[in-house]
């Protein structure tokens, strides 16, 4: 929902809902809203402005390149590790995977949040990622909660990718009855930045990584994650992606 801003210097206030609850922020709704607002402003479909979300002010930049519109936003909150009590093998079993398929290189199961918490789960390869099937009962018995009414979602990733320009292949499953898969999850990519910093330790400077998602469900997406590292620590991060208009209409309420 796009509302007038509380601060007149900001573009708009944004409220984002799932069918069950309101989110503090989310990636692809932010990207889509930023692109739509830039186009409505009749400024060539581009611009830099601030959107107010429940997590705080989110600075967005919208640009056009070769007819494609791209939006990116700064993370209002950097990722932080959270305590995870569940056994990694039990987490793998809840996804239908064996212990030797969990983890690669030095990457291990972890729990990260940049406003919305996710269990980040490295798997051996694309084949393992393609076979995951979430057991909702098993997951509800071991997964940490992200709120009183919802469990944290698993964010499965591997280094092997379908597209050569991608750095990681990921899948995100929302637990529930029934569970469902998300084709693009910017809030999870934001949390994932913490795992990348912790396990890959990128050098000082700016790194841009493309994350591929949604291929298994026939809705491929690409999310760009930009990390700025200073003194060996994450100084800032940005999420970006493309969006196109797929429908329009009016609601009379």
Protein backbone atom coordinates (compact mmCIF):
# COMPACT_ATOMS: atom_id res chain seq x y z
CA UNK A 1 0.00 0.00 0.00
CA UNK A 2 1.33 3.43 -1.00
CA UNK A 3 0.42 6.22 1.42
CA UNK A 4 1.39 9.86 1.99
CA UNK A 5 4.69 10.22 3.88
CA UNK A 6 4.99 11.30 7.50
CA UNK A 7 8.03 13.39 6.53
CA UNK A 8 7.24 15.77 3.65
CA UNK A 9 10.84 15.40 2.41
CA UNK A 10 10.18 11.73 1.66
CA UNK A 11 8.39 10.30 -1.38
CA UNK A 12 5.76 8.05 0.19
CA UNK A 13 5.03 5.71 3.04
CA UNK A 14 4.91 2.01 2.09
CA UNK A 15 3.11 -0.75 3.99
CA UNK A 16 3.73 -4.35 2.91
CA UNK A 17 1.53 -7.30 3.85
CA UNK A 18 1.50 -11.04 3.33
CA UNK A 19 -1.94 -12.70 3.60
CA UNK A 20 -1.12 -13.32 7.30
CA UNK A 21 0.86 -10.38 8.66
CA UNK A 22 2.53 -7.03 7.97
CA UNK A 23 6.25 -7.03 7.14
CA UNK A 24 8.79 -4.44 8.35
CA UNK A 25 10.14 -4.31 4.80
CA UNK A 26 10.45 -6.51 1.73
CA UNK A 27 12.64 -6.39 -1.33
CA UNK A 28 10.61 -6.88 -4.48
CA UNK A 29 7.65 -4.78 -3.23
CA UNK A 30 10.16 -1.98 -2.56
CA UNK A 31 11.70 -2.35 -6.03
CA UNK A 32 8.30 -2.50 -7.72
CA UNK A 33 6.88 0.44 -5.76
CA UNK A 34 9.98 2.56 -6.43
CA UNK A 35 9.78 1.93 -10.18
CA UNK A 36 6.02 2.59 -10.27
CA UNK A 37 6.38 5.84 -8.32
CA UNK A 38 9.24 7.02 -10.53
CA UNK A 39 7.12 6.41 -13.63
CA UNK A 40 4.08 8.15 -12.14
CA UNK A 41 6.22 11.19 -11.33
CA UNK A 42 6.78 11.69 -15.07
CA UNK A 43 10.47 12.36 -14.57
CA UNK A 44 11.60 9.94 -17.22
CA UNK A 45 10.92 6.98 -14.94
CA UNK A 46 14.07 7.66 -12.89
CA UNK A 47 15.02 9.40 -9.68
CA UNK A 48 16.42 9.16 -6.15
CA UNK A 49 14.05 9.38 -3.19
CA UNK A 50 13.21 7.97 0.25
CA UNK A 51 10.35 5.60 1.03
CA UNK A 52 9.13 5.20 4.59
CA UNK A 53 8.75 1.56 5.63
CA UNK A 54 8.16 0.06 9.05
CA UNK A 55 11.86 -0.71 9.38
CA UNK A 56 12.68 2.98 8.79
CA UNK A 57 13.53 5.30 5.89
CA UNK A 58 14.70 3.41 2.78
CA UNK A 59 16.70 5.33 0.18
CA UNK A 60 15.88 4.22 -3.37
CA UNK A 61 17.40 4.97 -6.76
CA UNK A 62 15.62 4.23 -10.05
CA UNK A 63 17.34 4.29 -13.45
CA UNK A 64 16.67 3.25 -17.03
CA UNK A 65 19.14 1.38 -19.24
CA UNK A 66 18.36 0.16 -22.77
CA UNK A 67 14.63 0.35 -22.10
CA UNK A 68 14.82 -1.63 -18.83
CA UNK A 69 14.01 0.00 -15.50
CA UNK A 70 16.21 -0.89 -12.54
CA UNK A 71 15.67 0.06 -8.89
CA UNK A 72 17.95 -0.39 -5.92
CA UNK A 73 17.68 0.53 -2.26
CA UNK A 74 19.99 0.86 0.72
CA UNK A 75 19.42 -1.53 3.60
CA UNK A 76 17.90 0.38 6.50
CA UNK A 77 19.39 -2.23 8.84
CA UNK A 78 22.55 -4.26 8.30
CA UNK A 79 22.32 -8.04 8.83
CA UNK A 80 23.08 -9.50 12.22
CA UNK A 81 23.48 -13.12 13.38
CA UNK A 82 20.80 -14.65 15.59
CA UNK A 83 21.01 -17.65 17.90
CA UNK A 84 20.03 -20.94 16.26
CA UNK A 85 19.52 -23.96 18.50
CA UNK A 86 18.37 -26.45 15.86
CA UNK A 87 20.75 -29.16 14.72
CA UNK A 88 21.93 -28.68 11.09
CA UNK A 89 21.26 -32.33 10.28
CA UNK A 90 17.69 -32.01 11.54
CA UNK A 91 17.25 -28.88 9.43
CA UNK A 92 18.50 -30.78 6.39
CA UNK A 93 16.16 -33.69 7.13
CA UNK A 94 13.21 -31.27 7.32
CA UNK A 95 14.10 -30.28 3.76
CA UNK A 96 14.45 -33.89 2.58
CA UNK A 97 18.26 -33.76 2.39
CA UNK A 98 20.99 -35.97 3.85
CA UNK A 99 23.72 -34.64 6.19
CA UNK A 100 26.44 -34.75 3.51
CA UNK A 101 24.33 -32.45 1.29
CA UNK A 102 24.27 -29.69 3.91
CA UNK A 103 27.10 -27.18 3.71
CA UNK A 104 29.89 -26.50 1.23
CA UNK A 105 33.43 -25.13 1.66
CA UNK A 106 33.30 -23.30 5.02
CA UNK A 107 29.60 -22.37 4.73
CA UNK A 108 27.37 -23.69 7.51
CA UNK A 109 23.71 -23.36 8.50
CA UNK A 110 23.09 -20.02 10.24
CA UNK A 111 20.35 -17.63 11.29
CA UNK A 112 20.49 -14.04 10.02
CA UNK A 113 18.23 -11.00 9.97
CA UNK A 114 18.32 -7.57 8.34
CA UNK A 115 14.81 -6.81 9.55
CA UNK A 116 13.25 -10.16 8.63
CA UNK A 117 14.98 -13.34 9.95
CA UNK A 118 15.87 -16.32 7.75
CA UNK A 119 17.62 -19.62 8.32
CA UNK A 120 20.39 -19.61 5.69
CA UNK A 121 21.12 -23.16 4.55
CA UNK A 122 24.06 -23.91 2.23
CA UNK A 123 23.69 -27.07 0.14
CA UNK A 124 26.20 -28.96 -1.93
CA UNK A 125 24.96 -28.27 -5.45
CA UNK A 126 22.07 -27.50 -7.80
CA UNK A 127 20.86 -31.08 -7.69
CA UNK A 128 20.41 -30.93 -3.93
CA UNK A 129 18.77 -27.50 -4.13
CA UNK A 130 16.33 -28.81 -6.72
CA UNK A 131 15.21 -31.70 -4.52
CA UNK A 132 14.26 -29.82 -1.38
CA UNK A 133 10.76 -30.52 -0.06
CA UNK A 134 9.80 -28.81 3.17
CA UNK A 135 8.24 -31.02 5.85
CA UNK A 136 6.05 -28.48 7.64
CA UNK A 137 5.57 -30.59 10.74
CA UNK A 138 9.30 -31.21 11.16
CA UNK A 139 10.10 -27.56 10.46
CA UNK A 140 7.59 -26.32 13.05
CA UNK A 141 9.28 -28.51 15.68
CA UNK A 142 12.78 -27.12 15.15
CA UNK A 143 12.65 -23.75 13.37
CA UNK A 144 12.97 -20.47 15.27
CA UNK A 145 10.02 -18.11 15.16
CA UNK A 146 10.16 -14.74 13.43
CA UNK A 147 6.99 -13.63 15.22
CA UNK A 148 4.31 -15.03 17.51
CA UNK A 149 2.40 -16.37 14.53
CA UNK A 150 5.09 -17.35 12.01
CA UNK A 151 8.25 -19.45 11.77
CA UNK A 152 11.42 -18.19 10.12
CA UNK A 153 11.69 -19.39 6.52
CA UNK A 154 14.51 -21.54 5.13
CA UNK A 155 16.73 -19.79 2.57
CA UNK A 156 18.58 -22.51 0.68
CA UNK A 157 21.61 -21.59 -1.43
CA UNK A 158 24.52 -23.09 -3.32
CA UNK A 159 27.55 -21.82 -5.20
CA UNK A 160 26.68 -23.78 -8.36
CA UNK A 161 24.40 -21.74 -10.61
CA UNK A 162 22.36 -22.07 -13.80
CA UNK A 163 23.41 -18.69 -15.20
CA UNK A 164 27.14 -18.06 -15.44
CA UNK A 165 26.84 -14.43 -14.27
CA UNK A 166 25.15 -15.47 -11.00
CA UNK A 167 27.18 -15.85 -7.81
CA UNK A 168 24.58 -17.95 -5.96
CA UNK A 169 21.51 -20.05 -6.71
CA UNK A 170 18.82 -19.78 -4.01
CA UNK A 171 15.36 -21.00 -3.05
CA UNK A 172 13.10 -19.65 -0.31
CA UNK A 173 10.17 -21.64 1.02
CA UNK A 174 7.50 -20.06 3.22
CA UNK A 175 6.37 -22.62 5.81
CA UNK A 176 2.68 -23.04 6.40
CA UNK A 177 -0.38 -25.05 5.43
CA UNK A 178 0.35 -25.29 2.64
CA UNK A 179 3.93 -24.04 2.27
CA UNK A 180 4.81 -22.14 -0.88
CA UNK A 181 7.90 -20.94 -2.72
CA UNK A 182 8.82 -17.31 -3.35
CA UNK A 183 10.35 -16.39 -6.75
CA UNK A 184 12.31 -13.38 -5.46
CA UNK A 185 13.02 -12.49 -1.83
CA UNK A 186 14.88 -9.23 -1.27
CA UNK A 187 14.57 -9.32 2.52
CA UNK A 188 16.23 -12.77 2.48
CA UNK A 189 19.00 -11.49 0.20
CA UNK A 190 19.54 -8.70 2.75
CA UNK A 191 19.93 -11.25 5.55
CA UNK A 192 22.10 -13.40 3.27
CA UNK A 193 24.58 -10.51 3.05
CA UNK A 194 25.53 -11.38 6.61
CA UNK A 195 26.30 -14.99 5.69
CA UNK A 196 28.40 -13.86 2.72
CA UNK A 197 30.39 -11.48 4.93
CA UNK A 198 30.88 -14.13 7.61
CA UNK A 199 31.85 -17.07 5.42
CA UNK A 200 33.38 -15.47 2.28
CA UNK A 201 34.96 -12.42 3.96
CA UNK A 202 35.10 -10.17 0.86
CA UNK A 203 37.93 -7.67 0.77
CA UNK A 204 37.53 -3.93 1.28
CA UNK A 205 35.72 -2.15 -1.52
CA UNK A 206 32.44 -2.63 -3.37
CA UNK A 207 31.32 -6.10 -4.47
CA UNK A 208 28.29 -6.71 -6.70
CA UNK A 209 26.77 -10.19 -6.72
CA UNK A 210 23.84 -11.51 -8.74
CA UNK A 211 21.54 -14.00 -7.01
CA UNK A 212 19.30 -16.23 -9.12
CA UNK A 213 15.99 -17.48 -7.71
CA UNK A 214 12.66 -18.87 -8.82
CA UNK A 215 13.98 -21.14 -11.57
CA UNK A 216 12.52 -24.34 -10.13
CA UNK A 217 9.03 -22.81 -10.07
CA UNK A 218 9.25 -21.39 -13.60
CA UNK A 219 9.45 -17.75 -12.43
CA UNK A 220 13.14 -16.88 -12.76
CA UNK A 221 14.38 -13.73 -11.07
CA UNK A 222 17.70 -11.97 -10.55
CA UNK A 223 18.54 -9.90 -7.48
CA UNK A 224 21.64 -7.76 -7.32
CA UNK A 225 23.32 -7.57 -3.92
CA UNK A 226 25.94 -4.87 -3.48
CA UNK A 227 28.26 -4.96 -0.46
CA UNK A 228 30.50 -2.11 0.66
CA UNK A 229 33.26 -3.37 2.95
CA UNK A 230 35.48 -1.07 5.01
CA UNK A 231 38.10 -2.30 7.43
CA UNK A 232 36.96 -5.87 6.95
CA UNK A 233 33.42 -5.03 8.08
CA UNK A 234 30.18 -4.51 6.19
CA UNK A 235 29.65 -0.75 6.00
CA UNK A 236 26.53 -0.77 3.82
CA UNK A 237 24.57 -2.95 1.44
CA UNK A 238 22.09 -2.45 -1.36
CA UNK A 239 19.47 -4.64 -3.04
CA UNK A 240 18.47 -4.08 -6.65
CA UNK A 241 16.43 -5.55 -9.47
CA UNK A 242 14.19 -4.92 -12.45
CA UNK A 243 10.40 -4.72 -12.57
CA UNK A 244 7.77 -4.33 -15.27
CA UNK A 245 4.08 -3.46 -15.15
CA UNK A 246 1.92 -6.57 -15.42
CA UNK A 247 -1.49 -5.12 -14.55
CA UNK A 248 -3.31 -1.92 -13.66
CA UNK A 249 -6.76 -0.97 -12.44
CA UNK A 250 -8.82 0.87 -9.84
CA UNK A 251 -10.25 -0.09 -6.49
CA UNK A 252 -13.34 1.68 -5.16
CA UNK A 253 -13.46 1.45 -1.36
